[in-house]
Amino acid sequence: VLLQAGMQSEFEKQFKKAAAESDA
């Protein structure tokens, strides 16, 4: 949804957080 809305900076923050938590 963040990408579809064009919110790249928020996508980056959330993706980094999620990738750090799951390591996948």
PDB file of all heavy atoms in Angstrom:
ATOM      1  N   VAL A   1       0.839  -1.209   0.000  1.00  0.00           N
ATOM      2  CA  VAL A   1       0.000   0.000   0.000  1.00  0.00           C
ATOM      3  C   VAL A   1       0.870   1.254   0.000  1.00  0.00           C
ATOM      4  O   VAL A   1       0.582   2.219  -0.710  1.00  0.00           O
ATOM      5  CB  VAL A   1      -0.980  -0.008   1.202  1.00  0.00           C
ATOM      6  CG1 VAL A   1      -1.629   1.338   1.393  1.00  0.00           C
ATOM      7  CG2 VAL A   1      -2.022  -1.090   1.017  1.00  0.00           C
ATOM      8  N   LEU A   2       1.947   1.234   0.774  1.00  0.00           N
ATOM      9  CA  LEU A   2       2.854   2.391   0.806  1.00  0.00           C
ATOM     10  C   LEU A   2       3.469   2.647  -0.571  1.00  0.00           C
ATOM     11  O   LEU A   2       3.560   3.794  -1.012  1.00  0.00           O
ATOM     12  CB  LEU A   2       3.957   2.177   1.843  1.00  0.00           C
ATOM     13  CG  LEU A   2       3.524   2.239   3.305  1.00  0.00           C
ATOM     14  CD1 LEU A   2       4.676   1.828   4.211  1.00  0.00           C
ATOM     15  CD2 LEU A   2       3.034   3.625   3.657  1.00  0.00           C
ATOM     16  N   LEU A   3       3.884   1.582  -1.252  1.00  0.00           N
ATOM     17  CA  LEU A   3       4.454   1.757  -2.592  1.00  0.00           C
ATOM     18  C   LEU A   3       3.407   2.246  -3.584  1.00  0.00           C
ATOM     19  O   LEU A   3       3.682   3.108  -4.406  1.00  0.00           O
ATOM     20  CB  LEU A   3       5.050   0.442  -3.093  1.00  0.00           C
ATOM     21  CG  LEU A   3       6.465   0.146  -2.678  1.00  0.00           C
ATOM     22  CD1 LEU A   3       6.920  -1.176  -3.280  1.00  0.00           C
ATOM     23  CD2 LEU A   3       7.404   1.247  -3.090  1.00  0.00           C
ATOM     24  N   GLN A   4       2.209   1.698  -3.512  1.00  0.00           N
ATOM     25  CA  GLN A   4       1.147   2.114  -4.425  1.00  0.00           C
ATOM     26  C   GLN A   4       0.772   3.569  -4.211  1.00  0.00           C
ATOM     27  O   GLN A   4       0.379   4.253  -5.148  1.00  0.00           O
ATOM     28  CB  GLN A   4      -0.074   1.213  -4.256  1.00  0.00           C
ATOM     29  CG  GLN A   4       0.150  -0.179  -4.796  1.00  0.00           C
ATOM     30  CD  GLN A   4      -0.968  -1.132  -4.447  1.00  0.00           C
ATOM     31  OE1 GLN A   4      -1.648  -0.970  -3.443  1.00  0.00           O
ATOM     32  NE2 GLN A   4      -1.152  -2.147  -5.273  1.00  0.00           N
ATOM     33  N   ALA A   5       0.939   4.043  -2.998  1.00  0.00           N
ATOM     34  CA  ALA A   5       0.622   5.440  -2.695  1.00  0.00           C
ATOM     35  C   ALA A   5       1.789   6.381  -3.004  1.00  0.00           C
ATOM     36  O   ALA A   5       1.651   7.591  -2.897  1.00  0.00           O
ATOM     37  CB  ALA A   5       0.226   5.575  -1.226  1.00  0.00           C
ATOM     38  N   GLY A   6       2.940   5.820  -3.376  1.00  0.00           N
ATOM     39  CA  GLY A   6       4.100   6.643  -3.711  1.00  0.00           C
ATOM     40  C   GLY A   6       4.870   7.140  -2.508  1.00  0.00           C
ATOM     41  O   GLY A   6       5.605   8.117  -2.594  1.00  0.00           O
ATOM     42  N   MET A   7       4.745   6.471  -1.381  1.00  0.00           N
ATOM     43  CA  MET A   7       5.410   6.880  -0.146  1.00  0.00           C
ATOM     44  C   MET A   7       6.701   6.072   0.051  1.00  0.00           C
ATOM     45  O   MET A   7       6.809   5.222   0.919  1.00  0.00           O
ATOM     46  CB  MET A   7       4.455   6.695   1.031  1.00  0.00           C
ATOM     47  CG  MET A   7       3.181   7.495   0.882  1.00  0.00           C
ATOM     48  SD  MET A   7       1.979   7.141   2.175  1.00  0.00           S
ATOM     49  CE  MET A   7       2.794   7.851   3.587  1.00  0.00           C
ATOM     50  N   GLN A   8       7.715   6.382  -0.783  1.00  0.00           N
ATOM     51  CA  GLN A   8       8.947   5.614  -0.770  1.00  0.00           C
ATOM     52  C   GLN A   8       9.724   5.727   0.534  1.00  0.00           C
ATOM     53  O   GLN A   8      10.308   4.751   0.992  1.00  0.00           O
ATOM     54  CB  GLN A   8       9.853   6.038  -1.933  1.00  0.00           C
ATOM     55  CG  GLN A   8       9.501   5.386  -3.241  1.00  0.00           C
ATOM     56  CD  GLN A   8       8.436   6.161  -4.003  1.00  0.00           C
ATOM     57  OE1 GLN A   8       8.027   7.235  -3.611  1.00  0.00           O
ATOM     58  NE2 GLN A   8       7.971   5.599  -5.094  1.00  0.00           N
ATOM     59  N   SER A   9       9.762   6.905   1.141  1.00  0.00           N
ATOM     60  CA  SER A   9      10.548   7.045   2.375  1.00  0.00           C
ATOM     61  C   SER A   9       9.931   6.239   3.518  1.00  0.00           C
ATOM     62  O   SER A   9      10.647   5.603   4.290  1.00  0.00           O
ATOM     63  CB  SER A   9      10.693   8.515   2.763  1.00  0.00           C
ATOM     64  OG  SER A   9       9.428   9.096   2.978  1.00  0.00           O
ATOM     65  N   GLU A  10       8.626   6.229   3.611  1.00  0.00           N
ATOM     66  CA  GLU A  10       7.961   5.425   4.647  1.00  0.00           C
ATOM     67  C   GLU A  10       8.110   3.937   4.333  1.00  0.00           C
ATOM     68  O   GLU A  10       8.286   3.123   5.237  1.00  0.00           O
ATOM     69  CB  GLU A  10       6.481   5.811   4.746  1.00  0.00           C
ATOM     70  CG  GLU A  10       5.759   5.173   5.897  1.00  0.00           C
ATOM     71  CD  GLU A  10       6.307   5.570   7.270  1.00  0.00           C
ATOM     72  OE1 GLU A  10       6.828   6.687   7.423  1.00  0.00           O
ATOM     73  OE2 GLU A  10       6.195   4.746   8.193  1.00  0.00           O
ATOM     74  N   PHE A  11       8.050   3.575   3.048  1.00  0.00           N
ATOM     75  CA  PHE A  11       8.278   2.189   2.640  1.00  0.00           C
ATOM     76  C   PHE A  11       9.672   1.742   3.080  1.00  0.00           C
ATOM     77  O   PHE A  11       9.839   0.652   3.618  1.00  0.00           O
ATOM     78  CB  PHE A  11       8.138   2.038   1.119  1.00  0.00           C
ATOM     79  CG  PHE A  11       8.574   0.694   0.611  1.00  0.00           C
ATOM     80  CD1 PHE A  11       7.740  -0.406   0.723  1.00  0.00           C
ATOM     81  CD2 PHE A  11       9.825   0.518   0.050  1.00  0.00           C
ATOM     82  CE1 PHE A  11       8.154  -1.655   0.274  1.00  0.00           C
ATOM     83  CE2 PHE A  11      10.246  -0.714  -0.401  1.00  0.00           C
ATOM     84  CZ  PHE A  11       9.396  -1.808  -0.293  1.00  0.00           C
ATOM     85  N   GLU A  12      10.674   2.599   2.855  1.00  0.00           N
ATOM     86  CA  GLU A  12      12.051   2.270   3.236  1.00  0.00           C
ATOM     87  C   GLU A  12      12.152   2.015   4.737  1.00  0.00           C
ATOM     88  O   GLU A  12      12.737   1.011   5.169  1.00  0.00           O
ATOM     89  CB  GLU A  12      12.993   3.404   2.828  1.00  0.00           C
ATOM     90  CG  GLU A  12      14.423   3.165   3.219  1.00  0.00           C
ATOM     91  CD  GLU A  12      15.351   4.300   2.813  1.00  0.00           C
ATOM     92  OE1 GLU A  12      14.971   5.139   1.982  1.00  0.00           O
ATOM     93  OE2 GLU A  12      16.468   4.335   3.351  1.00  0.00           O
ATOM     94  N   LYS A  13      11.581   2.891   5.545  1.00  0.00           N
ATOM     95  CA  LYS A  13      11.634   2.727   7.008  1.00  0.00           C
ATOM     96  C   LYS A  13      10.984   1.425   7.439  1.00  0.00           C
ATOM     97  O   LYS A  13      11.547   0.656   8.234  1.00  0.00           O
ATOM     98  CB  LYS A  13      10.923   3.885   7.697  1.00  0.00           C
ATOM     99  CG  LYS A  13      11.630   5.198   7.612  1.00  0.00           C
ATOM    100  CD  LYS A  13      10.786   6.261   8.291  1.00  0.00           C
ATOM    101  CE  LYS A  13      11.194   7.647   7.875  1.00  0.00           C
ATOM    102  NZ  LYS A  13      10.276   8.671   8.399  1.00  0.00           N
ATOM    103  N   GLN A  14       9.778   1.177   6.925  1.00  0.00           N
ATOM    104  CA  GLN A  14       9.038  -0.014   7.329  1.00  0.00           C
ATOM    105  C   GLN A  14       9.702  -1.296   6.823  1.00  0.00           C
ATOM    106  O   GLN A  14       9.721  -2.310   7.523  1.00  0.00           O
ATOM    107  CB  GLN A  14       7.594   0.072   6.817  1.00  0.00           C
ATOM    108  CG  GLN A  14       6.784   1.187   7.438  1.00  0.00           C
ATOM    109  CD  GLN A  14       6.615   1.013   8.937  1.00  0.00           C
ATOM    110  OE1 GLN A  14       6.469  -0.090   9.439  1.00  0.00           O
ATOM    111  NE2 GLN A  14       6.653   2.126   9.652  1.00  0.00           N
ATOM    112  N   PHE A  15      10.257  -1.262   5.605  1.00  0.00           N
ATOM    113  CA  PHE A  15      10.917  -2.451   5.064  1.00  0.00           C
ATOM    114  C   PHE A  15      12.165  -2.778   5.869  1.00  0.00           C
ATOM    115  O   PHE A  15      12.416  -3.948   6.182  1.00  0.00           O
ATOM    116  CB  PHE A  15      11.275  -2.252   3.589  1.00  0.00           C
ATOM    117  CG  PHE A  15      11.669  -3.532   2.896  1.00  0.00           C
ATOM    118  CD1 PHE A  15      10.733  -4.263   2.203  1.00  0.00           C
ATOM    119  CD2 PHE A  15      12.972  -4.012   2.965  1.00  0.00           C
ATOM    120  CE1 PHE A  15      11.080  -5.453   1.575  1.00  0.00           C
ATOM    121  CE2 PHE A  15      13.331  -5.186   2.348  1.00  0.00           C
ATOM    122  CZ  PHE A  15      12.387  -5.910   1.649  1.00  0.00           C
ATOM    123  N   LYS A  16      12.948  -1.767   6.194  1.00  0.00           N
ATOM    124  CA  LYS A  16      14.153  -1.995   7.006  1.00  0.00           C
ATOM    125  C   LYS A  16      13.793  -2.602   8.357  1.00  0.00           C
ATOM    126  O   LYS A  16      14.449  -3.531   8.826  1.00  0.00           O
ATOM    127  CB  LYS A  16      14.914  -0.686   7.211  1.00  0.00           C
ATOM    128  CG  LYS A  16      15.713  -0.243   6.019  1.00  0.00           C
ATOM    129  CD  LYS A  16      16.456   1.038   6.330  1.00  0.00           C
ATOM    130  CE  LYS A  16      17.310   1.493   5.176  1.00  0.00           C
ATOM    131  NZ  LYS A  16      18.048   2.732   5.472  1.00  0.00           N
ATOM    132  N   LYS A  17      12.756  -2.064   8.975  1.00  0.00           N
ATOM    133  CA  LYS A  17      12.320  -2.572  10.278  1.00  0.00           C
ATOM    134  C   LYS A  17      11.866  -4.027  10.166  1.00  0.00           C
ATOM    135  O   LYS A  17      12.255  -4.876  10.961  1.00  0.00           O
ATOM    136  CB  LYS A  17      11.194  -1.689  10.816  1.00  0.00           C
ATOM    137  CG  LYS A  17      10.671  -2.113  12.155  1.00  0.00           C
ATOM    138  CD  LYS A  17       9.563  -1.187  12.611  1.00  0.00           C
ATOM    139  CE  LYS A  17       8.953  -1.690  13.907  1.00  0.00           C
ATOM    140  NZ  LYS A  17       7.787  -0.915  14.298  1.00  0.00           N
ATOM    141  N   ALA A  18      11.054  -4.313   9.156  1.00  0.00           N
ATOM    142  CA  ALA A  18      10.533  -5.670   8.973  1.00  0.00           C
ATOM    143  C   ALA A  18      11.643  -6.653   8.610  1.00  0.00           C
ATOM    144  O   ALA A  18      11.658  -7.783   9.097  1.00  0.00           O
ATOM    145  CB  ALA A  18       9.465  -5.666   7.884  1.00  0.00           C
ATOM    146  N   ALA A  19      12.582  -6.228   7.776  1.00  0.00           N
ATOM    147  CA  ALA A  19      13.688  -7.108   7.388  1.00  0.00           C
ATOM    148  C   ALA A  19      14.597  -7.400   8.575  1.00  0.00           C
ATOM    149  O   ALA A  19      15.118  -8.501   8.707  1.00  0.00           O
ATOM    150  CB  ALA A  19      14.483  -6.474   6.250  1.00  0.00           C
ATOM    151  N   ALA A  20      14.784  -6.417   9.444  1.00  0.00           N
ATOM    152  CA  ALA A  20      15.616  -6.628  10.629  1.00  0.00           C
ATOM    153  C   ALA A  20      14.949  -7.593  11.605  1.00  0.00           C
ATOM    154  O   ALA A  20      15.621  -8.413  12.229  1.00  0.00           O
ATOM    155  CB  ALA A  20      15.898  -5.298  11.319  1.00  0.00           C
ATOM    156  N   GLU A  21      13.635  -7.505  11.723  1.00  0.00           N
ATOM    157  CA  GLU A  21      12.911  -8.382  12.651  1.00  0.00           C
ATOM    158  C   GLU A  21      12.863  -9.821  12.152  1.00  0.00           C
ATOM    159  O   GLU A  21      13.006 -10.751  12.928  1.00  0.00           O
ATOM    160  CB  GLU A  21      11.487  -7.866  12.853  1.00  0.00           C
ATOM    161  CG  GLU A  21      11.403  -6.591  13.652  1.00  0.00           C
ATOM    162  CD  GLU A  21      10.006  -6.022  13.718  1.00  0.00           C
ATOM    163  OE1 GLU A  21       9.072  -6.632  13.145  1.00  0.00           O
ATOM    164  OE2 GLU A  21       9.842  -4.956  14.334  1.00  0.00           O
ATOM    165  N   SER A  22      12.651 -10.015  10.856  1.00  0.00           N
ATOM    166  CA  SER A  22      12.462 -11.370  10.346  1.00  0.00           C
ATOM    167  C   SER A  22      13.719 -11.957   9.720  1.00  0.00           C
ATOM    168  O   SER A  22      13.811 -13.158   9.543  1.00  0.00           O
ATOM    169  CB  SER A  22      11.346 -11.387   9.302  1.00  0.00           C
ATOM    170  OG  SER A  22      11.735 -10.681   8.146  1.00  0.00           O
ATOM    171  N   ASP A  23      14.680 -11.117   9.339  1.00  0.00           N
ATOM    172  CA  ASP A  23      15.926 -11.541   8.703  1.00  0.00           C
ATOM    173  C   ASP A  23      15.654 -12.344   7.429  1.00  0.00           C
ATOM    174  O   ASP A  23      16.361 -13.287   7.105  1.00  0.00           O
ATOM    175  CB  ASP A  23      16.790 -12.344   9.677  1.00  0.00           C
ATOM    176  CG  ASP A  23      18.239 -12.429   9.208  1.00  0.00           C
ATOM    177  OD1 ASP A  23      18.711 -11.470   8.577  1.00  0.00           O
ATOM    178  OD2 ASP A  23      18.878 -13.470   9.459  1.00  0.00           O
ATOM    179  N   ALA A  24      14.598 -11.985   6.715  1.00  0.00           N
ATOM    180  CA  ALA A  24      14.245 -12.656   5.463  1.00  0.00           C
ATOM    181  C   ALA A  24      13.761 -11.617   4.458  1.00  0.00           C
ATOM    182  O   ALA A  24      12.595 -11.590   4.083  1.00  0.00           O
ATOM    183  CB  ALA A  24      13.174 -13.700   5.716  1.00  0.00           C
TER     184      ALA A  24
END
